[in-house]
N, C-alpha and C. Protein backbone atom coordinates (compact mmCIF):
# COMPACT_ATOMS: atom_id res chain seq x y z
N MET A 1 55.40 21.07 -19.43
CA MET A 1 54.78 21.47 -18.29
C MET A 1 53.31 21.01 -18.09
N ALA A 2 52.99 20.49 -16.91
CA ALA A 2 51.77 19.79 -16.71
C ALA A 2 50.71 20.75 -16.31
N THR A 3 49.51 20.47 -16.54
CA THR A 3 48.52 21.44 -16.08
C THR A 3 47.78 21.18 -14.95
N GLY A 4 47.19 21.94 -14.13
CA GLY A 4 46.73 21.91 -12.80
C GLY A 4 45.27 20.99 -13.25
N ARG A 5 44.63 21.03 -14.31
CA ARG A 5 43.24 20.12 -14.24
C ARG A 5 43.34 18.70 -14.11
N SER A 6 44.63 18.21 -14.64
CA SER A 6 44.59 16.85 -14.44
C SER A 6 44.58 16.33 -12.94
N SER A 7 45.47 17.10 -12.05
CA SER A 7 45.59 16.75 -10.73
C SER A 7 44.17 17.17 -9.95
N PHE A 8 43.46 18.32 -10.49
CA PHE A 8 42.29 18.49 -10.04
C PHE A 8 41.26 17.42 -10.19
N ALA A 9 41.06 17.05 -11.51
CA ALA A 9 40.20 15.95 -12.11
C ALA A 9 40.31 14.76 -11.32
N LYS A 10 41.61 14.46 -11.07
CA LYS A 10 41.94 13.24 -10.02
C LYS A 10 41.59 13.31 -8.78
N ARG A 11 41.82 14.61 -8.38
CA ARG A 11 41.03 14.79 -6.82
C ARG A 11 39.61 14.52 -6.76
N GLN A 12 39.16 15.03 -7.75
CA GLN A 12 37.54 14.94 -7.76
C GLN A 12 37.07 13.57 -7.88
N ARG A 13 37.87 12.96 -8.81
CA ARG A 13 37.31 11.39 -8.84
C ARG A 13 37.66 10.60 -7.58
N ASP A 14 38.86 10.86 -6.73
CA ASP A 14 39.11 10.15 -5.65
C ASP A 14 38.25 10.48 -4.70
N MET A 15 37.66 11.69 -4.74
CA MET A 15 36.72 12.24 -3.65
C MET A 15 35.30 11.45 -3.72
N ALA A 16 34.95 11.50 -5.21
CA ALA A 16 33.88 10.88 -5.63
C ALA A 16 33.76 9.34 -5.36
N LYS A 17 34.78 8.60 -5.47
CA LYS A 17 34.89 7.38 -5.20
C LYS A 17 34.74 7.10 -3.50
N LYS A 18 35.45 7.77 -2.85
CA LYS A 18 35.37 7.92 -1.18
C LYS A 18 33.92 8.17 -0.80
N ALA A 19 33.35 9.03 -1.41
CA ALA A 19 32.07 9.31 -0.97
C ALA A 19 30.83 8.17 -1.45
N LYS A 20 31.14 7.67 -2.45
CA LYS A 20 30.28 6.57 -2.98
C LYS A 20 30.68 5.35 -2.02
N ALA A 21 31.81 5.15 -1.69
CA ALA A 21 31.96 4.01 -0.79
C ALA A 21 31.37 4.23 0.50
N GLN A 22 31.55 5.27 1.08
CA GLN A 22 30.89 5.83 2.42
C GLN A 22 29.53 5.57 2.33
N ALA A 23 28.80 6.03 1.31
CA ALA A 23 27.23 5.64 1.10
C ALA A 23 27.01 4.30 1.02
N LYS A 24 27.84 3.38 0.33
CA LYS A 24 27.60 2.15 0.39
C LYS A 24 27.89 1.37 1.70
N ARG A 25 28.87 1.89 2.34
CA ARG A 25 28.99 1.34 3.64
C ARG A 25 27.92 1.62 4.59
N GLU A 26 27.43 2.88 4.73
CA GLU A 26 26.14 3.26 5.56
C GLU A 26 25.11 2.48 5.12
N ARG A 27 24.89 2.32 3.74
CA ARG A 27 23.52 1.40 3.43
C ARG A 27 23.81 -0.08 4.03
N ARG A 28 24.92 -0.69 3.79
CA ARG A 28 25.20 -1.97 4.26
C ARG A 28 25.08 -2.21 5.80
N LEU A 29 25.52 -1.14 6.41
CA LEU A 29 25.27 -0.95 8.12
C LEU A 29 23.80 -1.03 8.46
N GLU A 30 23.16 -0.19 7.78
CA GLU A 30 21.65 0.11 8.00
C GLU A 30 20.95 -1.35 7.90
N LYS A 31 21.33 -1.90 6.71
CA LYS A 31 20.70 -3.26 6.18
C LYS A 31 20.93 -4.33 7.26
N ASN A 32 21.96 -4.39 7.99
CA ASN A 32 22.49 -5.46 8.75
C ASN A 32 22.32 -5.08 10.33
N ASP A 33 21.74 -4.03 10.75
CA ASP A 33 21.46 -3.56 11.95
C ASP A 33 20.91 -4.61 12.96
N PRO A 34 20.09 -5.32 12.43
CA PRO A 34 19.45 -6.50 13.37
C PRO A 34 20.38 -7.53 13.59
N LEU A 35 21.10 -7.92 12.59
CA LEU A 35 22.41 -8.87 12.88
C LEU A 35 23.27 -8.56 13.93
N GLU A 36 23.63 -7.01 13.99
CA GLU A 36 24.62 -6.63 14.79
C GLU A 36 24.15 -6.96 16.35
N SER A 37 22.81 -6.66 16.59
CA SER A 37 22.42 -7.05 17.92
C SER A 37 22.70 -8.63 18.34
N GLU A 38 22.69 -9.46 17.46
CA GLU A 38 22.72 -10.84 17.80
C GLU A 38 24.17 -10.83 17.84
N ASP A 39 24.97 -10.33 16.93
CA ASP A 39 26.35 -10.53 17.06
C ASP A 39 27.01 -9.97 18.46
N GLU A 40 26.35 -8.89 18.92
CA GLU A 40 26.80 -8.45 19.90
C GLU A 40 26.57 -9.41 21.40
N GLU A 41 25.27 -9.92 21.15
CA GLU A 41 24.71 -10.90 22.08
C GLU A 41 25.90 -12.15 22.35
N GLU A 42 26.07 -12.71 21.14
CA GLU A 42 26.98 -13.85 20.98
C GLU A 42 28.35 -13.57 21.54
N GLU A 43 28.83 -12.35 21.02
CA GLU A 43 30.26 -11.86 21.79
C GLU A 43 29.97 -12.04 23.23
N ALA A 44 29.13 -11.25 23.90
CA ALA A 44 28.90 -11.16 25.16
C ALA A 44 29.15 -12.51 25.98
N ILE A 45 28.11 -13.55 25.07
CA ILE A 45 28.43 -15.02 25.68
C ILE A 45 29.53 -15.42 25.66
N ASP A 46 30.37 -15.32 24.61
CA ASP A 46 31.77 -15.73 24.35
C ASP A 46 32.70 -15.33 25.36
N ALA A 47 32.61 -14.04 25.68
CA ALA A 47 33.55 -13.14 26.48
C ALA A 47 33.37 -13.48 27.97
N GLY A 48 32.23 -14.25 28.35
CA GLY A 48 32.15 -14.71 29.87
C GLY A 48 33.15 -15.56 30.12
N PRO A 49 33.21 -15.85 31.49
CA PRO A 49 34.05 -16.72 32.10
C PRO A 49 33.88 -18.16 31.51
N LYS A 50 34.90 -19.02 31.39
CA LYS A 50 34.74 -20.41 30.93
C LYS A 50 34.19 -21.09 32.11
N LEU A 51 33.14 -21.79 31.59
CA LEU A 51 32.45 -22.58 32.53
C LEU A 51 33.13 -24.31 32.28
N SER A 52 33.29 -25.02 33.61
CA SER A 52 33.84 -26.45 33.44
C SER A 52 32.44 -27.21 32.65
N ASN A 53 32.85 -28.50 32.34
CA ASN A 53 31.77 -29.20 31.59
C ASN A 53 30.85 -29.77 32.29
N ASP A 54 31.17 -29.88 33.75
CA ASP A 54 30.10 -30.09 34.61
C ASP A 54 29.05 -29.11 34.71
N GLU A 55 29.63 -27.71 34.68
CA GLU A 55 28.61 -26.61 34.94
C GLU A 55 27.87 -26.39 33.74
N VAL A 56 28.52 -26.68 32.52
CA VAL A 56 27.94 -26.62 31.19
C VAL A 56 26.57 -27.71 31.15
N MET A 57 26.87 -29.07 31.55
CA MET A 57 26.07 -29.88 31.56
C MET A 57 24.91 -29.60 32.46
N ALA A 58 25.00 -29.02 33.93
CA ALA A 58 24.05 -28.82 34.59
C ALA A 58 23.14 -27.57 33.99
N GLN A 59 23.75 -26.73 33.29
CA GLN A 59 23.02 -25.64 32.60
C GLN A 59 22.08 -26.37 31.28
N VAL A 60 22.62 -27.44 30.68
CA VAL A 60 21.96 -28.05 29.55
C VAL A 60 20.67 -28.64 30.25
N ALA A 61 20.87 -29.41 31.73
CA ALA A 61 19.88 -29.97 32.29
C ALA A 61 18.78 -29.28 32.67
N ASP A 62 19.17 -28.02 33.09
CA ASP A 62 18.03 -26.83 33.55
C ASP A 62 17.58 -26.26 32.15
N LEU A 63 18.14 -26.49 31.20
CA LEU A 63 17.50 -25.89 29.98
C LEU A 63 16.45 -26.85 29.32
N HIS A 64 16.85 -28.17 29.42
CA HIS A 64 15.76 -29.36 29.19
C HIS A 64 14.59 -29.10 30.28
N ARG A 65 14.82 -28.99 31.27
CA ARG A 65 13.79 -28.85 32.38
C ARG A 65 12.84 -27.65 32.02
N ARG A 66 13.37 -26.50 31.61
CA ARG A 66 12.38 -25.47 31.27
C ARG A 66 11.79 -25.59 30.04
N TYR A 67 12.36 -26.28 28.93
CA TYR A 67 11.78 -26.72 27.76
C TYR A 67 10.54 -27.67 28.15
N ASP A 68 11.03 -28.57 28.86
CA ASP A 68 9.71 -29.61 29.14
C ASP A 68 8.55 -28.94 29.77
N ASP A 69 8.78 -27.98 30.72
CA ASP A 69 7.85 -27.50 31.61
C ASP A 69 7.01 -26.20 30.71
N GLY A 70 7.54 -25.91 29.47
CA GLY A 70 6.79 -25.18 28.39
C GLY A 70 7.18 -23.76 28.69
N GLN A 71 8.27 -23.37 29.19
CA GLN A 71 8.68 -22.17 29.40
C GLN A 71 9.31 -21.46 28.26
N MET A 72 9.85 -22.39 27.16
CA MET A 72 10.41 -21.58 25.92
C MET A 72 10.00 -22.63 24.94
N ASP A 73 10.10 -21.84 23.71
CA ASP A 73 9.82 -22.41 22.47
C ASP A 73 11.16 -23.36 21.94
N LEU A 74 10.76 -24.18 20.93
CA LEU A 74 11.92 -25.09 20.37
C LEU A 74 12.98 -24.43 19.99
N ASP A 75 12.63 -23.22 18.99
CA ASP A 75 13.90 -22.36 18.39
C ASP A 75 14.70 -21.71 19.59
N THR A 76 14.14 -21.23 20.58
CA THR A 76 14.85 -20.80 21.52
C THR A 76 15.75 -21.95 22.15
N PHE A 77 15.26 -22.98 22.57
CA PHE A 77 15.80 -24.32 23.30
C PHE A 77 16.92 -24.62 22.40
N ASP A 78 16.80 -24.78 21.02
CA ASP A 78 17.78 -25.11 20.00
C ASP A 78 19.11 -24.11 20.15
N GLU A 79 18.76 -22.67 20.04
CA GLU A 79 19.70 -22.00 20.12
C GLU A 79 20.73 -21.92 21.37
N GLU A 80 19.95 -22.05 22.55
CA GLU A 80 20.65 -22.02 23.82
C GLU A 80 21.22 -23.18 23.98
N ARG A 81 20.92 -24.46 23.63
CA ARG A 81 21.51 -25.67 23.93
C ARG A 81 22.69 -25.74 22.82
N ALA A 82 22.54 -25.10 21.88
CA ALA A 82 23.93 -25.07 20.91
C ALA A 82 24.92 -24.12 21.23
N ALA A 83 24.67 -22.99 22.06
CA ALA A 83 25.47 -22.22 22.63
C ALA A 83 26.24 -22.84 23.81
N LEU A 84 25.26 -23.57 24.47
CA LEU A 84 26.05 -24.13 25.76
C LEU A 84 27.01 -25.41 25.10
N MET A 85 26.56 -26.08 24.15
CA MET A 85 27.36 -27.20 23.72
C MET A 85 28.60 -26.98 23.13
N ALA A 86 28.64 -25.70 22.54
CA ALA A 86 29.88 -25.20 22.08
C ALA A 86 30.87 -24.73 23.08
N GLN A 87 30.26 -24.71 24.28
CA GLN A 87 31.30 -24.29 25.33
C GLN A 87 31.82 -25.52 25.95
N ILE A 88 31.50 -26.76 25.62
CA ILE A 88 32.20 -27.98 26.29
C ILE A 88 33.56 -28.07 25.54
N SER A 89 34.41 -28.39 26.27
CA SER A 89 35.82 -28.80 26.03
C SER A 89 36.24 -30.09 26.03
N VAL A 90 36.75 -30.58 25.13
CA VAL A 90 37.27 -31.77 24.92
C VAL A 90 38.85 -32.02 25.05
N ASP A 91 39.12 -32.85 26.18
CA ASP A 91 40.51 -32.95 26.40
C ASP A 91 41.23 -34.09 25.64
């Protein structure tokens, strides 16, 4: 005859494992919050309508003009240019 303690102990171990995993998951999410906002921005850009290559190149030209006028710094320019160049399709 099996004792009830083994199943109770197993249940306690399982509950402890789940609680530990949940705490670890929450810590990981708190640690990565700044990255989540960047991911959401990238998803919003990716989810937009597909632009033709001519439209993308017009936006790149406008981006270069704004950079030359001093309206943005080099890091922002590089990020936006990379995002636009990723939208170009090669046939």
